[in-house]
PDB file of N, CA and C in Angstrom:
ATOM      1  N   MET A   1     -18.062 -12.117   1.332  1.00  0.00           N
ATOM      2  CA  MET A   1     -18.510 -11.120   0.371  1.00  0.00           C
ATOM      3  C   MET A   1     -17.298 -10.565  -0.363  1.00  0.00           C
ATOM      4  N   VAL A   2     -17.365 -10.515  -1.673  1.00  0.00           N
ATOM      5  CA  VAL A   2     -16.314  -9.934  -2.493  1.00  0.00           C
ATOM      6  C   VAL A   2     -16.773  -8.565  -2.961  1.00  0.00           C
ATOM      7  N   ILE A   3     -15.907  -7.591  -2.831  1.00  0.00           N
ATOM      8  CA  ILE A   3     -16.227  -6.221  -3.237  1.00  0.00           C
ATOM      9  C   ILE A   3     -15.628  -5.988  -4.617  1.00  0.00           C
ATOM     10  N   ASP A   4     -16.462  -5.652  -5.590  1.00  0.00           N
ATOM     11  CA  ASP A   4     -16.008  -5.397  -6.959  1.00  0.00           C
ATOM     12  C   ASP A   4     -15.947  -3.903  -7.237  1.00  0.00           C
ATOM     13  N   ASN A   5     -15.196  -3.541  -8.290  1.00  0.00           N
ATOM     14  CA  ASN A   5     -15.112  -2.158  -8.764  1.00  0.00           C
ATOM     15  C   ASN A   5     -14.672  -1.188  -7.677  1.00  0.00           C
ATOM     16  N   LEU A   6     -13.635  -1.558  -6.985  1.00  0.00           N
ATOM     17  CA  LEU A   6     -13.136  -0.745  -5.893  1.00  0.00           C
ATOM     18  C   LEU A   6     -11.622  -0.668  -5.988  1.00  0.00           C
ATOM     19  N   SER A   7     -11.080   0.513  -5.779  1.00  0.00           N
ATOM     20  CA  SER A   7      -9.637   0.682  -5.650  1.00  0.00           C
ATOM     21  C   SER A   7      -9.382   1.450  -4.367  1.00  0.00           C
ATOM     22  N   ILE A   8      -8.390   1.002  -3.641  1.00  0.00           N
ATOM     23  CA  ILE A   8      -8.021   1.650  -2.391  1.00  0.00           C
ATOM     24  C   ILE A   8      -6.555   2.048  -2.490  1.00  0.00           C
ATOM     25  N   VAL A   9      -6.267   3.305  -2.190  1.00  0.00           N
ATOM     26  CA  VAL A   9      -4.903   3.809  -2.237  1.00  0.00           C
ATOM     27  C   VAL A   9      -4.416   3.980  -0.800  1.00  0.00           C
ATOM     28  N   LEU A  10      -3.285   3.328  -0.507  1.00  0.00           N
ATOM     29  CA  LEU A  10      -2.658   3.446   0.807  1.00  0.00           C
ATOM     30  C   LEU A  10      -1.336   4.179   0.654  1.00  0.00           C
ATOM     31  N   LEU A  11      -1.086   5.106   1.539  1.00  0.00           N
ATOM     32  CA  LEU A  11       0.169   5.836   1.537  1.00  0.00           C
ATOM     33  C   LEU A  11       1.073   5.241   2.613  1.00  0.00           C
ATOM     34  N   ASN A  12       2.274   4.867   2.234  1.00  0.00           N
ATOM     35  CA  ASN A  12       3.252   4.333   3.179  1.00  0.00           C
ATOM     36  C   ASN A  12       4.422   5.298   3.305  1.00  0.00           C
ATOM     37  N   TYR A  13       4.843   5.497   4.546  1.00  0.00           N
ATOM     38  CA  TYR A  13       6.087   6.227   4.792  1.00  0.00           C
ATOM     39  C   TYR A  13       6.750   5.616   6.025  1.00  0.00           C
ATOM     40  N   ASN A  14       7.803   4.861   5.790  1.00  0.00           N
ATOM     41  CA  ASN A  14       8.581   4.251   6.871  1.00  0.00           C
ATOM     42  C   ASN A  14       7.736   3.433   7.842  1.00  0.00           C
ATOM     43  N   ASN A  15       6.752   2.705   7.321  1.00  0.00           N
ATOM     44  CA  ASN A  15       5.885   1.962   8.237  1.00  0.00           C
ATOM     45  C   ASN A  15       5.358   0.691   7.586  1.00  0.00           C
ATOM     46  N   PHE A  16       6.244  -0.230   7.290  1.00  0.00           N
ATOM     47  CA  PHE A  16       5.864  -1.489   6.661  1.00  0.00           C
ATOM     48  C   PHE A  16       4.794  -2.221   7.462  1.00  0.00           C
ATOM     49  N   GLU A  17       5.004  -2.372   8.768  1.00  0.00           N
ATOM     50  CA  GLU A  17       4.091  -3.184   9.588  1.00  0.00           C
ATOM     51  C   GLU A  17       2.661  -2.655   9.550  1.00  0.00           C
ATOM     52  N   GLU A  18       2.490  -1.361   9.667  1.00  0.00           N
ATOM     53  CA  GLU A  18       1.139  -0.785   9.640  1.00  0.00           C
ATOM     54  C   GLU A  18       0.512  -0.931   8.256  1.00  0.00           C
ATOM     55  N   THR A  19       1.287  -0.703   7.215  1.00  0.00           N
ATOM     56  CA  THR A  19       0.768  -0.792   5.853  1.00  0.00           C
ATOM     57  C   THR A  19       0.381  -2.226   5.500  1.00  0.00           C
ATOM     58  N   ILE A  20       1.239  -3.187   5.791  1.00  0.00           N
ATOM     59  CA  ILE A  20       0.929  -4.573   5.467  1.00  0.00           C
ATOM     60  C   ILE A  20      -0.228  -5.075   6.334  1.00  0.00           C
ATOM     61  N   GLY A  21      -0.312  -4.596   7.565  1.00  0.00           N
ATOM     62  CA  GLY A  21      -1.450  -4.937   8.421  1.00  0.00           C
ATOM     63  C   GLY A  21      -2.754  -4.419   7.852  1.00  0.00           C
ATOM     64  N   CYS A  22      -2.733  -3.221   7.316  1.00  0.00           N
ATOM     65  CA  CYS A  22      -3.923  -2.647   6.692  1.00  0.00           C
ATOM     66  C   CYS A  22      -4.337  -3.469   5.474  1.00  0.00           C
ATOM     67  N   ILE A  23      -3.366  -3.893   4.677  1.00  0.00           N
ATOM     68  CA  ILE A  23      -3.652  -4.727   3.511  1.00  0.00           C
ATOM     69  C   ILE A  23      -4.306  -6.034   3.957  1.00  0.00           C
ATOM     70  N   ARG A  24      -3.778  -6.653   4.989  1.00  0.00           N
ATOM     71  CA  ARG A  24      -4.355  -7.908   5.501  1.00  0.00           C
ATOM     72  C   ARG A  24      -5.783  -7.704   5.998  1.00  0.00           C
ATOM     73  N   ARG A  25      -6.032  -6.602   6.705  1.00  0.00           N
ATOM     74  CA  ARG A  25      -7.382  -6.328   7.201  1.00  0.00           C
ATOM     75  C   ARG A  25      -8.355  -6.073   6.055  1.00  0.00           C
ATOM     76  N   LEU A  26      -7.902  -5.356   5.030  1.00  0.00           N
ATOM     77  CA  LEU A  26      -8.758  -5.121   3.864  1.00  0.00           C
ATOM     78  C   LEU A  26      -9.105  -6.438   3.172  1.00  0.00           C
ATOM     79  N   MET A  27      -8.120  -7.310   3.020  1.00  0.00           N
ATOM     80  CA  MET A  27      -8.363  -8.596   2.384  1.00  0.00           C
ATOM     81  C   MET A  27      -9.309  -9.453   3.230  1.00  0.00           C
ATOM     82  N   ALA A  28      -9.242  -9.326   4.546  1.00  0.00           N
ATOM     83  CA  ALA A  28     -10.109 -10.090   5.441  1.00  0.00           C
ATOM     84  C   ALA A  28     -11.579  -9.710   5.281  1.00  0.00           C
ATOM     85  N   ILE A  29     -11.849  -8.487   4.824  1.00  0.00           N
ATOM     86  CA  ILE A  29     -13.244  -8.077   4.609  1.00  0.00           C
ATOM     87  C   ILE A  29     -13.658  -8.200   3.146  1.00  0.00           C
ATOM     88  N   GLY A  30     -12.816  -8.828   2.319  1.00  0.00           N
ATOM     89  CA  GLY A  30     -13.214  -9.128   0.952  1.00  0.00           C
ATOM     90  C   GLY A  30     -12.607  -8.279  -0.137  1.00  0.00           C
ATOM     91  N   VAL A  31     -11.677  -7.408   0.191  1.00  0.00           N
ATOM     92  CA  VAL A  31     -11.026  -6.591  -0.831  1.00  0.00           C
ATOM     93  C   VAL A  31      -9.921  -7.418  -1.483  1.00  0.00           C
ATOM     94  N   ASP A  32      -9.950  -7.528  -2.794  1.00  0.00           N
ATOM     95  CA  ASP A  32      -8.922  -8.244  -3.541  1.00  0.00           C
ATOM     96  C   ASP A  32      -7.633  -7.424  -3.498  1.00  0.00           C
ATOM     97  N   ASP A  33      -6.494  -8.090  -3.250  1.00  0.00           N
ATOM     98  CA  ASP A  33      -5.242  -7.335  -3.169  1.00  0.00           C
ATOM     99  C   ASP A  33      -4.897  -6.643  -4.478  1.00  0.00           C
ATOM    100  N   LYS A  34      -5.453  -7.086  -5.595  1.00  0.00           N
ATOM    101  CA  LYS A  34      -5.229  -6.423  -6.884  1.00  0.00           C
ATOM    102  C   LYS A  34      -5.975  -5.090  -6.972  1.00  0.00           C
ATOM    103  N   SER A  35      -6.872  -4.835  -6.022  1.00  0.00           N
ATOM    104  CA  SER A  35      -7.611  -3.572  -5.974  1.00  0.00           C
ATOM    105  C   SER A  35      -6.936  -2.545  -5.073  1.00  0.00           C
ATOM    106  N   ILE A  36      -5.793  -2.915  -4.507  1.00  0.00           N
ATOM    107  CA  ILE A  36      -5.089  -2.038  -3.580  1.00  0.00           C
ATOM    108  C   ILE A  36      -3.881  -1.421  -4.281  1.00  0.00           C
ATOM    109  N   ILE A  37      -3.727  -0.134  -4.118  1.00  0.00           N
ATOM    110  CA  ILE A  37      -2.583   0.595  -4.658  1.00  0.00           C
ATOM    111  C   ILE A  37      -1.813   1.159  -3.473  1.00  0.00           C
ATOM    112  N   VAL A  38      -0.541   0.792  -3.350  1.00  0.00           N
ATOM    113  CA  VAL A  38       0.301   1.304  -2.276  1.00  0.00           C
ATOM    114  C   VAL A  38       1.269   2.312  -2.885  1.00  0.00           C
ATOM    115  N   VAL A  39       1.257   3.519  -2.355  1.00  0.00           N
ATOM    116  CA  VAL A  39       2.193   4.552  -2.778  1.00  0.00           C
ATOM    117  C   VAL A  39       3.193   4.739  -1.647  1.00  0.00           C
ATOM    118  N   ASP A  40       4.448   4.465  -1.925  1.00  0.00           N
ATOM    119  CA  ASP A  40       5.480   4.705  -0.929  1.00  0.00           C
ATOM    120  C   ASP A  40       5.963   6.140  -1.079  1.00  0.00           C
ATOM    121  N   ASN A  41       5.849   6.878   0.004  1.00  0.00           N
ATOM    122  CA  ASN A  41       6.117   8.313  -0.010  1.00  0.00           C
ATOM    123  C   ASN A  41       7.588   8.596   0.312  1.00  0.00           C
ATOM    124  N   HIS A  42       8.480   7.992  -0.502  1.00  0.00           N
ATOM    125  CA  HIS A  42       9.928   8.196  -0.404  1.00  0.00           C
ATOM    126  C   HIS A  42      10.468   7.790   0.972  1.00  0.00           C
ATOM    127  N   SER A  43      10.106   6.563   1.395  1.00  0.00           N
ATOM    128  CA  SER A  43      10.570   6.049   2.688  1.00  0.00           C
ATOM    129  C   SER A  43      12.084   6.006   2.743  1.00  0.00           C
ATOM    130  N   THR A  44      12.605   6.219   3.938  1.00  0.00           N
ATOM    131  CA  THR A  44      14.050   6.201   4.143  1.00  0.00           C
ATOM    132  C   THR A  44      14.509   4.948   4.875  1.00  0.00           C
ATOM    133  N   ASP A  45      13.571   4.073   5.229  1.00  0.00           N
ATOM    134  CA  ASP A  45      13.938   2.794   5.829  1.00  0.00           C
ATOM    135  C   ASP A  45      13.773   1.714   4.757  1.00  0.00           C
ATOM    136  N   ASN A  46      13.648   0.484   5.113  1.00  0.00           N
ATOM    137  CA  ASN A  46      13.511  -0.586   4.118  1.00  0.00           C
ATOM    138  C   ASN A  46      12.064  -0.982   3.868  1.00  0.00           C
ATOM    139  N   SER A  47      11.107  -0.177   4.293  1.00  0.00           N
ATOM    140  CA  SER A  47       9.700  -0.554   4.137  1.00  0.00           C
ATOM    141  C   SER A  47       9.285  -0.666   2.673  1.00  0.00           C
ATOM    142  N   ALA A  48       9.802   0.174   1.805  1.00  0.00           N
ATOM    143  CA  ALA A  48       9.444   0.093   0.380  1.00  0.00           C
ATOM    144  C   ALA A  48       9.910  -1.232  -0.217  1.00  0.00           C
ATOM    145  N   ILE A  49      11.116  -1.634   0.112  1.00  0.00           N
ATOM    146  CA  ILE A  49      11.652  -2.904  -0.391  1.00  0.00           C
ATOM    147  C   ILE A  49      10.826  -4.061   0.141  1.00  0.00           C
ATOM    148  N   ARG A  50      10.514  -4.032   1.418  1.00  0.00           N
ATOM    149  CA  ARG A  50       9.723  -5.108   2.023  1.00  0.00           C
ATOM    150  C   ARG A  50       8.337  -5.186   1.407  1.00  0.00           C
ATOM    151  N   LEU A  51       7.726  -4.043   1.115  1.00  0.00           N
ATOM    152  CA  LEU A  51       6.404  -4.054   0.477  1.00  0.00           C
ATOM    153  C   LEU A  51       6.484  -4.637  -0.926  1.00  0.00           C
ATOM    154  N   LYS A  52       7.491  -4.227  -1.697  1.00  0.00           N
ATOM    155  CA  LYS A  52       7.656  -4.754  -3.056  1.00  0.00           C
ATOM    156  C   LYS A  52       7.868  -6.260  -3.053  1.00  0.00           C
ATOM    157  N   GLU A  53       8.539  -6.762  -2.041  1.00  0.00           N
ATOM    158  CA  GLU A  53       8.859  -8.186  -1.969  1.00  0.00           C
ATOM    159  C   GLU A  53       7.797  -9.015  -1.254  1.00  0.00           C
ATOM    160  N   SER A  54       6.709  -8.382  -0.824  1.00  0.00           N
ATOM    161  CA  SER A  54       5.667  -9.128  -0.111  1.00  0.00           C
ATOM    162  C   SER A  54       4.953 -10.080  -1.062  1.00  0.00           C
ATOM    163  N   LYS A  55       4.202 -10.993  -0.490  1.00  0.00           N
ATOM    164  CA  LYS A  55       3.520 -12.028  -1.275  1.00  0.00           C
ATOM    165  C   LYS A  55       2.229 -11.540  -1.928  1.00  0.00           C
ATOM    166  N   TYR A  56       1.849 -10.316  -1.686  1.00  0.00           N
ATOM    167  CA  TYR A  56       0.573  -9.807  -2.193  1.00  0.00           C
ATOM    168  C   TYR A  56       0.730  -9.191  -3.584  1.00  0.00           C
ATOM    169  N   SER A  57      -0.381  -9.073  -4.291  1.00  0.00           N
ATOM    170  CA  SER A  57      -0.359  -8.616  -5.692  1.00  0.00           C
ATOM    171  C   SER A  57      -0.879  -7.197  -5.869  1.00  0.00           C
ATOM    172  N   PHE A  58      -0.715  -6.344  -4.879  1.00  0.00           N
ATOM    173  CA  PHE A  58      -1.170  -4.961  -5.005  1.00  0.00           C
ATOM    174  C   PHE A  58      -0.251  -4.202  -5.960  1.00  0.00           C
ATOM    175  N   GLU A  59      -0.777  -3.095  -6.487  1.00  0.00           N
ATOM    176  CA  GLU A  59       0.051  -2.226  -7.325  1.00  0.00           C
ATOM    177  C   GLU A  59       0.918  -1.381  -6.408  1.00  0.00           C
ATOM    178  N   PHE A  60       2.185  -1.220  -6.764  1.00  0.00           N
ATOM    179  CA  PHE A  60       3.120  -0.467  -5.934  1.00  0.00           C
ATOM    180  C   PHE A  60       3.680   0.697  -6.736  1.00  0.00           C
ATOM    181  N   ILE A  61       3.600   1.884  -6.166  1.00  0.00           N
ATOM    182  CA  ILE A  61       4.142   3.086  -6.796  1.00  0.00           C
ATOM    183  C   ILE A  61       5.162   3.694  -5.839  1.00  0.00           C
ATOM    184  N   GLN A  62       6.348   3.927  -6.336  1.00  0.00           N
ATOM    185  CA  GLN A  62       7.412   4.538  -5.532  1.00  0.00           C
ATOM    186  C   GLN A  62       7.491   6.024  -5.859  1.00  0.00           C
ATOM    187  N   SER A  63       7.200   6.865  -4.883  1.00  0.00           N
ATOM    188  CA  SER A  63       7.305   8.306  -5.079  1.00  0.00           C
ATOM    189  C   SER A  63       8.758   8.726  -4.869  1.00  0.00           C
ATOM    190  N   GLY A  64       9.228   9.632  -5.667  1.00  0.00           N
ATOM    191  CA  GLY A  64      10.581  10.140  -5.532  1.00  0.00           C
ATOM    192  C   GLY A  64      10.682  11.333  -4.611  1.00  0.00           C
ATOM    193  N   TYR A  65       9.553  11.702  -4.005  1.00  0.00           N
ATOM    194  CA  TYR A  65       9.517  12.897  -3.167  1.00  0.00           C
ATOM    195  C   TYR A  65       8.468  12.701  -2.084  1.00  0.00           C
ATOM    196  N   ASN A  66       8.733  13.137  -0.877  1.00  0.00           N
ATOM    197  CA  ASN A  66       7.766  13.043   0.215  1.00  0.00           C
ATOM    198  C   ASN A  66       7.102  14.409   0.384  1.00  0.00           C
ATOM    199  N   GLY A  67       5.925  14.550  -0.194  1.00  0.00           N
ATOM    200  CA  GLY A  67       5.187  15.789  -0.079  1.00  0.00           C
ATOM    201  C   GLY A  67       4.014  15.704   0.872  1.00  0.00           C
ATOM    202  N   GLY A  68       3.859  14.566   1.542  1.00  0.00           N
ATOM    203  CA  GLY A  68       2.730  14.384   2.451  1.00  0.00           C
ATOM    204  C   GLY A  68       1.462  14.009   1.709  1.00  0.00           C
ATOM    205  N   TYR A  69       0.356  13.956   2.439  1.00  0.00           N
ATOM    206  CA  TYR A  69      -0.915  13.522   1.849  1.00  0.00           C
ATOM    207  C   TYR A  69      -1.445  14.476   0.788  1.00  0.00           C
ATOM    208  N   ALA A  70      -1.259  15.757   0.979  1.00  0.00           N
ATOM    209  CA  ALA A  70      -1.898  16.738   0.100  1.00  0.00           C
ATOM    210  C   ALA A  70      -1.053  17.181  -1.068  1.00  0.00           C
ATOM    211  N   TRP A  71       0.176  16.679  -1.179  1.00  0.00           N
ATOM    212  CA  TRP A  71       1.055  17.104  -2.257  1.00  0.00           C
ATOM    213  C   TRP A  71       0.549  16.596  -3.602  1.00  0.00           C
ATOM    214  N   ALA A  72       0.595  17.425  -4.611  1.00  0.00           N
ATOM    215  CA  ALA A  72       0.109  17.000  -5.934  1.00  0.00           C
ATOM    216  C   ALA A  72       1.210  16.995  -6.944  1.00  0.00           C
TER     217      ALA A  72
END
């Protein structure tokens, strides 16, 4: 089953393995990687670089500030 008209936003902070695992699980249930938006919340490890260099086609946004989930 392919899910259309859906966007999913994932927040990453210093956790490449969990974020990429979530992307893989979403794709396994039919979510197109182009429907996934990953926001890196100013990671201090190399997870942002690893996500940008991954083989998937999700949209990647690099935040310049870590304000947590509720920061606007």
